[in-house]
Amino acid sequence: MREITGAGAGPRAEKERTGGARRGARGGRRPGARPARPAGSRSRVGLPALLRVALLLPLLSGGAAAQATPPGVTEVSVAAPPRTIDDFEYVPGWTAHPASGVEMKLSADRGAHGRALRIDFRFHGGGYAIARKELNLDLPENYAFTFLLRGRAPANHIEFKLVDPSNENVWWHVRRDVAFPEEWTPFTIKKRQISFAWGPIGGGEIRRVAAIEIVVTAGNGGEGTVWIDDLQLRPLPPPGAALPAPQAAGTTSAADHEAAMAADGDTLTWWSPPGTIAPPPSRSTSGSSASTAGSSSTGRPGGIGPTTTSRSPTTAAAGACAARSAARTAAATRS
């Protein structure tokens, strides 16, 4: 499933775009409404085409399996499990708040898992259709809201809003001109994508949520249906936190070359699938000239002499690629 992407918008742009239309459409204060809406060795990397390793925990940005936590940085051992806000098996907890002149109906329907919230709407020009759920939810330091969405409707805007206990201060995330997918699609909204919209406090972060609103706002207008399922709150590592050491697991491996060796930090161990054990690291003599048959740079018969381990250029490149991939994974997880 692909994830829906779209450009968010700040409250000032939204007020300038829709303020007048919504003031005319609104018959009274709606819930949450604003007063006016204007590495490098073959040993660790293995063969990319054959490697089937599942990373169970995020990779370290430096690509090392063990790394000291820098001073002033919080170390995170494991991510907290997600919290289900609503699985929509019981939808009467949600209430409909359409703008004047907008038709709207909430009901239960078949979902991705069990039941889902169904939102039917019909716009006669502009307006909005709000589905609201009241709750008491404390937010962690960093988080993301996730839910599944599908729809059969013209492209319109989706607003996700958080209302504080005063019912006067609102934070939101807006995605414009959403082309509603017919298949269930993940919809993720991270804390950094949520901004203050309006209210007497004038800004800051929301710490406790008293209501969540999922809003379909007229873009192209028209009529249609949107389904929502599996609304969750997922705690994320705090910004700047050191990520835990990677762990690896695989379905198959050669004897003494288990998948865990791909992330154990030891350059002399590596993962290999059955029947494809890579040779040990290549070695070269340490003398000033290459060995010849029957002699070596040390003058000993048979080329026997002190040796040093050298890394294969191929595995070194693969290790560097893995390190860059680990850094990208770590950066994405932090954000």
Protein backbone atom coordinates (compact mmCIF):
# COMPACT_ATOMS: atom_id res chain seq x y z
CA MET A 1 0.00 0.00 0.00
CA ARG A 2 1.28 3.47 -0.83
CA GLU A 3 1.09 6.27 1.68
CA ILE A 4 -0.91 9.37 0.86
CA THR A 5 1.23 12.45 0.59
CA GLY A 6 0.20 16.04 0.27
CA ALA A 7 1.23 19.55 1.10
CA GLY A 8 0.14 20.88 4.44
CA ALA A 9 -0.96 24.44 4.98
CA GLY A 10 -0.60 26.84 7.85
CA PRO A 11 -3.58 28.45 9.55
CA ARG A 12 -2.93 31.89 8.04
CA ALA A 13 -3.16 30.61 4.45
CA GLU A 14 -6.27 28.62 5.32
CA LYS A 15 -7.95 31.65 6.90
CA GLU A 16 -7.27 33.78 3.83
CA ARG A 17 -8.58 31.05 1.53
CA THR A 18 -11.77 29.96 3.25
CA GLY A 19 -12.55 32.47 5.99
CA GLY A 20 -15.30 34.31 4.19
CA ALA A 21 -16.97 31.22 2.77
CA ARG A 22 -17.08 29.46 6.09
CA ARG A 23 -18.31 32.47 8.01
CA GLY A 24 -21.24 32.60 5.64
CA ALA A 25 -21.85 28.84 5.81
CA ARG A 26 -21.60 28.52 9.58
CA GLY A 27 -24.84 28.94 11.48
CA GLY A 28 -23.22 28.83 14.92
CA ARG A 29 -20.10 27.76 16.79
CA ARG A 30 -19.05 24.29 15.83
CA PRO A 31 -16.87 22.07 18.03
CA GLY A 32 -13.29 23.19 17.94
CA ALA A 33 -14.16 26.09 15.63
CA ARG A 34 -12.21 29.32 15.50
CA PRO A 35 -14.15 32.59 15.92
CA ALA A 36 -13.55 33.39 12.24
CA ARG A 37 -11.93 31.09 9.74
CA PRO A 38 -10.03 33.16 7.51
CA ALA A 39 31.66 -0.21 7.19
CA GLY A 40 33.80 -2.23 5.17
CA SER A 41 34.45 -5.90 5.01
CA ARG A 42 32.74 -8.74 3.22
CA SER A 43 32.28 -10.37 6.58
CA ARG A 44 29.40 -8.19 7.70
CA VAL A 45 27.68 -7.39 4.46
CA GLY A 46 27.35 -10.73 2.64
CA LEU A 47 25.82 -10.89 -0.84
CA PRO A 48 23.17 -8.20 -1.40
CA ALA A 49 21.20 -10.36 -3.83
CA LEU A 50 20.95 -13.22 -1.35
CA LEU A 51 20.80 -11.45 1.99
CA ARG A 52 17.41 -11.81 3.66
CA VAL A 53 17.83 -10.07 6.96
CA ALA A 54 15.00 -8.45 8.91
CA LEU A 55 16.16 -5.49 10.98
CA LEU A 56 14.23 -5.69 14.21
CA LEU A 57 15.41 -2.35 15.62
CA PRO A 58 16.50 0.87 13.88
CA LEU A 59 20.10 1.06 12.68
CA LEU A 60 22.65 3.37 14.19
CA SER A 61 23.36 6.36 12.02
CA GLY A 62 27.07 5.54 12.03
CA GLY A 63 26.47 1.96 10.94
CA ALA A 64 28.14 0.48 14.01
CA ALA A 65 26.45 -2.12 16.15
CA ALA A 66 27.66 -0.66 19.40
CA GLN A 67 28.42 2.97 20.02
CA ALA A 68 28.75 5.07 23.12
CA THR A 69 25.92 7.53 23.71
CA PRO A 70 27.22 11.11 23.29
CA PRO A 71 26.91 13.40 26.31
CA GLY A 72 23.54 15.12 26.53
CA VAL A 73 21.83 12.62 24.22
CA THR A 74 19.02 10.40 25.44
CA GLU A 75 19.45 6.70 24.72
CA VAL A 76 16.35 4.84 23.58
CA SER A 77 16.20 1.09 24.12
CA VAL A 78 12.94 0.15 22.40
CA ALA A 79 10.00 2.06 20.95
CA ALA A 80 6.83 2.09 23.02
CA PRO A 81 3.96 0.11 21.50
CA PRO A 82 1.27 2.02 19.60
CA ARG A 83 -1.95 2.94 21.38
CA THR A 84 -5.22 2.26 19.62
CA ILE A 85 -7.45 5.32 19.90
CA ASP A 86 -10.32 3.77 17.99
CA ASP A 87 -10.70 0.55 16.02
CA PHE A 88 -14.18 1.73 14.98
CA GLU A 89 -15.96 -1.40 16.10
CA TYR A 90 -18.32 1.00 17.87
CA VAL A 91 -18.84 4.26 16.00
CA PRO A 92 -21.51 6.10 18.07
CA GLY A 93 -18.62 7.78 19.91
CA TRP A 94 -18.18 9.91 16.79
CA THR A 95 -20.54 12.81 16.07
CA ALA A 96 -21.24 14.70 12.85
CA HIS A 97 -20.86 18.49 12.64
CA PRO A 98 -21.39 19.68 9.06
CA ALA A 99 -21.38 23.28 7.92
CA SER A 100 -24.72 24.86 7.12
CA GLY A 101 -25.95 23.54 3.79
CA VAL A 102 -23.70 20.45 3.84
CA GLU A 103 -25.28 17.01 4.09
CA MET A 104 -23.38 14.51 6.24
CA LYS A 105 -23.97 11.07 7.75
CA LEU A 106 -21.79 8.84 9.96
CA SER A 107 -22.26 5.07 10.10
CA ALA A 108 -20.42 1.78 10.60
CA ASP A 109 -19.27 -0.22 7.59
CA ARG A 110 -16.87 -3.01 6.71
CA GLY A 111 -13.31 -1.98 7.46
CA ALA A 112 -9.78 -3.14 6.81
CA HIS A 113 -10.02 -5.07 10.09
CA GLY A 114 -13.55 -5.60 11.34
CA ARG A 115 -15.63 -2.41 11.22
CA ALA A 116 -14.75 1.10 10.05
CA LEU A 117 -16.16 4.63 10.30
CA ARG A 118 -18.04 5.62 7.14
CA ILE A 119 -18.45 9.32 6.31
CA ASP A 120 -21.00 10.19 3.63
CA PHE A 121 -21.11 13.84 2.55
CA ARG A 122 -22.59 16.11 -0.08
CA PHE A 123 -21.38 19.64 -0.69
CA HIS A 124 -23.57 22.29 -2.29
CA GLY A 125 -20.74 24.66 -3.06
CA GLY A 126 -18.20 25.07 -0.23
CA GLY A 127 -18.23 23.91 3.36
CA TYR A 128 -16.92 21.14 5.57
CA ALA A 129 -18.00 17.85 7.16
CA ILE A 130 -16.55 17.19 10.63
CA ALA A 131 -16.39 13.81 12.36
CA ARG A 132 -15.54 14.45 16.03
CA LYS A 133 -14.64 12.16 18.92
CA GLU A 134 -14.21 13.41 22.48
CA LEU A 135 -11.58 11.72 24.61
CA ASN A 136 -8.90 12.29 27.23
CA LEU A 137 -5.48 11.69 25.69
CA ASP A 138 -2.06 12.68 27.01
CA LEU A 139 0.56 13.01 24.28
CA PRO A 140 4.15 11.72 24.58
CA GLU A 141 7.14 13.89 23.83
CA ASN A 142 7.22 12.73 20.22
CA TYR A 143 4.57 10.83 18.32
CA ALA A 144 2.69 10.12 15.12
CA PHE A 145 -1.00 9.54 14.48
CA THR A 146 -1.79 6.83 11.96
CA PHE A 147 -4.97 5.52 10.41
CA LEU A 148 -6.17 3.71 7.30
CA LEU A 149 -8.21 5.58 4.74
CA ARG A 150 -10.02 4.87 1.51
CA GLY A 151 -12.71 6.73 -0.38
CA ARG A 152 -14.90 7.19 -3.39
CA ALA A 153 -15.17 10.94 -3.82
CA PRO A 154 -13.81 13.87 -5.84
CA ALA A 155 -10.49 15.29 -4.68
CA ASN A 156 -11.09 17.32 -1.52
CA HIS A 157 -9.07 18.39 1.50
CA ILE A 158 -8.51 16.36 4.68
CA GLU A 159 -8.01 18.15 8.00
CA PHE A 160 -6.84 16.33 11.13
CA LYS A 161 -7.42 18.47 14.23
CA LEU A 162 -6.57 18.21 17.93
CA VAL A 163 -8.61 20.25 20.42
CA ASP A 164 -7.45 20.97 23.97
CA PRO A 165 -9.66 20.70 27.10
CA SER A 166 -10.74 24.35 26.83
CA ASN A 167 -12.35 23.59 23.45
CA GLU A 168 -10.91 26.92 22.29
CA ASN A 169 -7.39 26.03 21.14
CA VAL A 170 -6.91 23.93 18.02
CA TRP A 171 -3.91 22.32 16.33
CA TRP A 172 -4.17 20.82 12.88
CA HIS A 173 -2.65 19.17 9.87
CA VAL A 174 -4.10 19.82 6.40
CA ARG A 175 -3.63 17.82 3.23
CA ARG A 176 -5.08 19.43 0.16
CA ASP A 177 -6.65 17.92 -2.92
CA VAL A 178 -6.44 14.36 -1.66
CA ALA A 179 -7.16 11.87 -4.44
CA PHE A 180 -8.97 9.31 -2.33
CA PRO A 181 -7.68 5.77 -2.97
CA GLU A 182 -10.15 2.95 -3.46
CA GLU A 183 -7.91 0.56 -1.48
CA TRP A 184 -7.05 0.92 2.20
CA THR A 185 -4.05 3.23 2.44
CA PRO A 186 -1.91 4.25 5.46
CA PHE A 187 -2.19 7.88 6.48
CA THR A 188 0.56 9.10 8.87
CA ILE A 189 0.75 12.47 10.61
CA LYS A 190 3.85 13.16 12.70
CA LYS A 191 4.09 15.68 15.50
CA ARG A 192 6.30 17.98 13.44
CA GLN A 193 3.53 18.13 10.81
CA ILE A 194 0.96 19.42 13.30
CA SER A 195 0.85 23.18 13.85
CA PHE A 196 -1.12 25.58 16.01
CA ALA A 197 -4.21 26.76 14.14
CA TRP A 198 -6.13 29.20 16.36
CA GLY A 199 -7.14 29.91 19.94
CA PRO A 200 -6.54 32.33 22.82
CA ILE A 201 -3.19 30.85 23.90
CA GLY A 202 -1.71 31.95 20.58
CA GLY A 203 0.70 29.03 20.02
CA GLY A 204 2.81 26.39 21.66
CA GLU A 205 2.35 22.62 21.76
CA ILE A 206 -0.70 20.63 22.76
CA ARG A 207 -0.09 18.25 25.65
CA ARG A 208 -3.56 16.89 26.37
CA VAL A 209 -6.20 16.22 23.74
CA ALA A 210 -9.88 16.50 24.60
CA ALA A 211 -11.20 15.88 21.07
CA ILE A 212 -10.03 14.66 17.68
CA GLU A 213 -11.68 15.87 14.49
CA ILE A 214 -11.32 14.33 11.04
CA VAL A 215 -12.68 16.79 8.50
CA VAL A 216 -13.46 16.60 4.81
CA THR A 217 -13.33 20.16 3.45
CA ALA A 218 -14.62 21.17 0.04
CA GLY A 219 -11.96 21.33 -2.62
CA ASN A 220 -13.64 20.11 -5.76
CA GLY A 221 -16.78 19.65 -3.68
CA GLY A 222 -19.40 17.22 -4.88
CA GLU A 223 -20.48 14.17 -2.93
CA GLY A 224 -18.82 10.97 -1.87
CA THR A 225 -17.83 8.55 0.88
CA VAL A 226 -14.68 8.26 2.97
CA TRP A 227 -13.86 5.33 5.26
CA ILE A 228 -11.50 5.51 8.28
CA ASP A 229 -10.10 2.56 10.25
CA ASP A 230 -7.47 1.75 12.90
CA LEU A 231 -6.75 5.17 14.40
CA GLN A 232 -3.58 4.87 16.50
CA LEU A 233 -1.10 7.00 18.41
CA ARG A 234 2.48 5.80 17.93
CA PRO A 235 5.15 7.09 20.34
CA LEU A 236 8.42 7.98 18.59
CA PRO A 237 11.95 8.46 19.97
CA PRO A 238 12.52 12.02 21.19
CA PRO A 239 14.32 14.27 18.70
CA GLY A 240 18.09 13.83 19.05
CA ALA A 241 17.81 10.49 20.83
CA ALA A 242 20.51 7.90 20.18
CA LEU A 243 19.03 4.92 18.41
CA PRO A 244 19.61 1.41 19.74
CA ALA A 245 22.07 -1.05 18.25
CA PRO A 246 20.72 -2.96 15.24
CA GLN A 247 19.67 -6.56 15.52
CA ALA A 248 19.29 -8.91 12.56
CA ALA A 249 17.43 -12.15 11.96
CA GLY A 250 17.04 -14.35 8.91
CA THR A 251 15.03 -17.36 7.82
CA THR A 252 18.05 -19.36 6.62
CA SER A 253 21.80 -19.31 7.13
CA ALA A 254 24.88 -21.44 6.76
CA ALA A 255 26.36 -23.18 9.78
CA ASP A 256 28.38 -20.78 11.93
CA HIS A 257 27.23 -17.86 9.76
CA GLU A 258 23.92 -16.88 11.34
CA ALA A 259 22.08 -13.73 10.33
CA ALA A 260 22.86 -12.08 13.66
CA MET A 261 26.50 -11.95 12.57
CA ALA A 262 25.57 -9.36 9.94
CA ALA A 263 25.07 -6.81 12.71
CA ASP A 264 27.33 -8.02 15.53
CA GLY A 265 30.04 -5.40 14.98
CA ASP A 266 32.72 -8.05 14.36
CA THR A 267 34.48 -7.63 11.01
CA LEU A 268 35.62 -11.26 11.07
CA THR A 269 32.10 -12.71 11.14
CA TRP A 270 29.43 -12.52 8.49
CA TRP A 271 26.08 -13.92 7.40
CA SER A 272 25.85 -16.40 4.55
CA PRO A 273 22.91 -18.36 3.12
CA PRO A 274 23.18 -22.15 2.93
CA GLY A 275 25.75 -23.35 0.40
CA THR A 276 27.26 -19.92 -0.31
CA ILE A 277 29.75 -19.39 2.48
CA ALA A 278 32.11 -16.63 1.47
CA PRO A 279 35.85 -17.26 1.82
CA PRO A 280 37.74 -15.74 4.75
CA PRO A 281 39.15 -12.24 4.32
CA SER A 282 41.89 -12.09 1.70
CA ARG A 283 45.47 -11.76 2.88
CA SER A 284 48.59 -10.27 1.29
CA THR A 285 52.22 -10.39 2.31
CA SER A 286 53.64 -7.44 4.18
CA GLY A 287 56.96 -7.24 2.29
CA SER A 288 57.94 -4.51 -0.11
CA SER A 289 57.51 -6.72 -3.20
CA ALA A 290 55.04 -9.37 -4.30
CA SER A 291 55.78 -13.02 -3.57
CA THR A 292 57.00 -15.27 -6.35
CA ALA A 293 56.85 -19.03 -6.63
CA GLY A 294 59.10 -20.70 -4.08
CA SER A 295 60.15 -17.45 -2.37
CA SER A 296 58.73 -14.42 -0.62
CA SER A 297 59.73 -10.91 0.30
CA THR A 298 60.96 -12.28 3.60
CA GLY A 299 63.36 -14.65 1.91
CA ARG A 300 61.65 -17.71 3.35
CA PRO A 301 60.85 -20.64 1.06
CA GLY A 302 57.23 -21.05 0.01
CA GLY A 303 56.29 -17.45 0.65
CA ILE A 304 55.82 -18.01 4.40
CA GLY A 305 56.15 -14.84 6.36
CA PRO A 306 54.30 -12.19 8.36
CA THR A 307 50.97 -11.35 6.79
CA THR A 308 48.40 -8.64 7.22
CA THR A 309 44.71 -8.72 6.47
CA SER A 310 43.51 -6.56 3.58
CA ARG A 311 39.90 -5.71 2.82
CA SER A 312 38.36 -6.53 -0.52
CA PRO A 313 37.42 -3.39 -2.48
CA THR A 314 34.08 -4.97 -3.35
CA THR A 315 33.10 -5.66 0.25
CA ALA A 316 34.44 -2.28 1.35
CA ALA A 317 32.14 -0.60 -1.15
CA ALA A 318 29.23 -2.72 0.01
CA GLY A 319 29.99 -1.81 3.60
CA ALA A 320 30.03 1.89 2.75
CA CYS A 321 26.69 1.50 0.99
CA ALA A 322 25.25 -0.26 4.03
CA ALA A 323 26.53 2.52 6.29
CA ARG A 324 24.88 5.18 4.12
CA SER A 325 21.62 3.21 4.15
CA ALA A 326 21.82 2.92 7.93
CA ALA A 327 22.31 6.67 8.24
CA ARG A 328 19.26 7.36 6.08
CA THR A 329 17.17 4.89 8.11
CA ALA A 330 18.26 6.50 11.37
CA ALA A 331 17.46 10.00 10.10
CA ALA A 332 14.01 8.94 8.93
CA THR A 333 13.26 7.27 12.28
CA ARG A 334 14.28 10.36 14.27
CA SER A 335 12.00 12.59 12.20
